[in-house]
Structures are given as C-alpha cells and as structure tokens.
Amino acid sequence: MKLIVSLALALTASTAFAHGNVSCPAVPQEEKQPQKELQKKLEGEGWKVRKVQNSNGCYEVYGVDDKGAKVEAFFNPKTFDRVYPEGERAAGKK
C-alpha cells in the first residue's frame, strides 16, 4: 500500500514540475494565431502533435518532437516562439 501511495505522489509531483513557471505575455485575442496553425508548423518540422491547449497565456503542446522525444512544450500564441519554464533553456543556449 505504501508503494502505491508513494508512486501516486511521485507522479503528481512530476506533473507539477513539468509546468514549471511558464507564462507568455498577454496577447489580444485578435492577434493570436490559431492553434491548428501551430500544429501544422510543428508537424512540418517533424513533430507528432497529440494535443494543443491554452495554458498561462501560452499554447501548450503534448507530443513527440523531431528527435523522437516525448515533450510538453509551450509556445507564444502570437509568434509561435517556444517559451521555456523558468530554470530551463533551449538546448545549446547558455
């Protein structure tokens, strides 16, 4: 029983950390690009998009990136620039 409770707590904690501290600047609704356009862009880059949703002013994408890694990624809804949680950064950037 303790193992089940421990696993449940660990899964809950990892979900909380996945979001980190992410937010996008406020964008008026008329300036936001459609989520389907982001999905098409990413799929054109080799991603397999499972789901796109709104989260803290960003578009949150669940899927598999062009390198085959499972991802939960955030994008600015106006520019489609990737937004990283506080403490994370793009690969190769300092």
Protein backbone atom coordinates (compact mmCIF):
# COMPACT_ATOMS: atom_id res chain seq x y z
CA MET A 1 0.00 0.00 0.00
CA LYS A 2 2.83 2.40 0.84
CA LEU A 3 4.36 1.73 -2.58
CA ILE A 4 1.12 2.71 -4.34
CA VAL A 5 0.83 5.92 -2.33
CA SER A 6 4.49 6.75 -2.97
CA LEU A 7 4.09 6.19 -6.72
CA ALA A 8 0.96 8.33 -6.82
CA LEU A 9 2.74 11.16 -5.00
CA ALA A 10 5.75 10.90 -7.30
CA LEU A 11 3.57 11.09 -10.41
CA THR A 12 1.68 14.07 -9.04
CA ALA A 13 4.94 15.86 -8.22
CA SER A 14 6.42 15.22 -11.65
CA THR A 15 3.30 16.65 -13.31
CA ALA A 16 3.60 19.79 -11.21
CA PHE A 17 7.25 20.24 -12.11
CA ALA A 18 6.57 19.72 -15.82
CA HIS A 19 4.80 23.07 -15.99
CA GLY A 20 7.49 24.90 -14.08
CA ASN A 21 6.96 28.63 -14.07
CA VAL A 22 5.76 29.34 -17.60
CA SER A 23 3.80 32.30 -18.86
CA CYS A 24 3.51 34.20 -22.10
CA PRO A 25 2.93 37.93 -22.50
CA ALA A 26 -0.70 38.98 -22.77
CA VAL A 27 -1.80 38.86 -26.40
CA PRO A 28 -5.13 40.27 -27.55
CA GLN A 29 -7.40 37.53 -28.91
CA GLU A 30 -7.39 39.03 -32.42
CA GLU A 31 -3.56 38.79 -32.55
CA LYS A 32 -3.39 35.12 -31.56
CA GLN A 33 -2.74 32.67 -34.36
CA PRO A 34 -4.95 29.58 -34.46
CA GLN A 35 -3.73 26.53 -32.54
CA LYS A 36 -4.17 24.44 -35.70
CA GLU A 37 -1.54 26.63 -37.42
CA LEU A 38 0.96 25.86 -34.66
CA GLN A 39 0.17 22.17 -35.01
CA LYS A 40 0.72 22.32 -38.79
CA LYS A 41 4.01 24.21 -38.31
CA LEU A 42 5.33 21.68 -35.80
CA GLU A 43 4.21 18.68 -37.85
CA GLY A 44 6.01 20.24 -40.82
CA GLU A 45 9.15 20.25 -38.65
CA GLY A 46 8.76 16.53 -37.90
CA TRP A 47 6.78 16.67 -34.64
CA LYS A 48 3.89 14.33 -33.86
CA VAL A 49 1.39 16.53 -32.03
CA ARG A 50 -1.05 14.76 -29.75
CA LYS A 51 -2.73 17.79 -28.14
CA VAL A 52 -2.60 21.61 -28.12
CA GLN A 53 -4.25 23.63 -25.36
CA ASN A 54 -4.12 27.04 -23.65
CA SER A 55 -2.01 27.33 -20.51
CA ASN A 56 -0.94 30.53 -18.69
CA GLY A 57 -1.35 32.58 -21.87
CA CYS A 58 0.72 30.10 -23.91
CA TYR A 59 -0.12 27.27 -26.25
CA GLU A 60 0.89 24.05 -24.52
CA VAL A 61 1.77 21.18 -26.86
CA TYR A 62 1.95 17.50 -25.94
CA GLY A 63 3.57 15.13 -28.38
CA VAL A 64 6.85 13.84 -29.78
CA ASP A 65 9.44 16.25 -31.13
CA ASP A 66 11.53 15.90 -34.29
CA LYS A 67 14.19 13.96 -32.34
CA GLY A 68 11.66 11.36 -31.12
CA ALA A 69 11.50 12.65 -27.54
CA LYS A 70 8.19 12.96 -25.69
CA VAL A 71 7.60 16.65 -24.97
CA GLU A 72 5.36 19.06 -23.19
CA ALA A 73 6.31 22.37 -24.80
CA PHE A 74 4.98 25.92 -24.58
CA PHE A 75 4.67 28.47 -27.39
CA ASN A 76 3.80 32.15 -27.67
CA PRO A 77 0.35 32.27 -29.33
CA LYS A 78 1.26 35.31 -31.44
CA THR A 79 4.75 34.42 -32.67
CA PHE A 80 4.89 30.64 -32.11
CA ASP A 81 8.29 31.17 -30.44
CA ARG A 82 8.98 28.44 -27.92
CA VAL A 83 8.75 29.53 -24.27
CA TYR A 84 10.76 27.66 -21.65
CA PRO A 85 9.85 27.20 -17.98
CA GLU A 86 11.89 29.20 -15.51
CA GLY A 87 15.17 27.38 -14.92
CA GLU A 88 15.13 25.64 -18.32
CA ARG A 89 16.60 26.85 -21.57
CA ALA A 90 16.81 25.87 -25.19
CA ALA A 91 19.36 23.20 -25.99
CA GLY A 92 22.69 24.74 -26.91
CA LYS A 93 21.94 28.12 -25.31
CA LYS A 94 23.65 29.44 -22.20
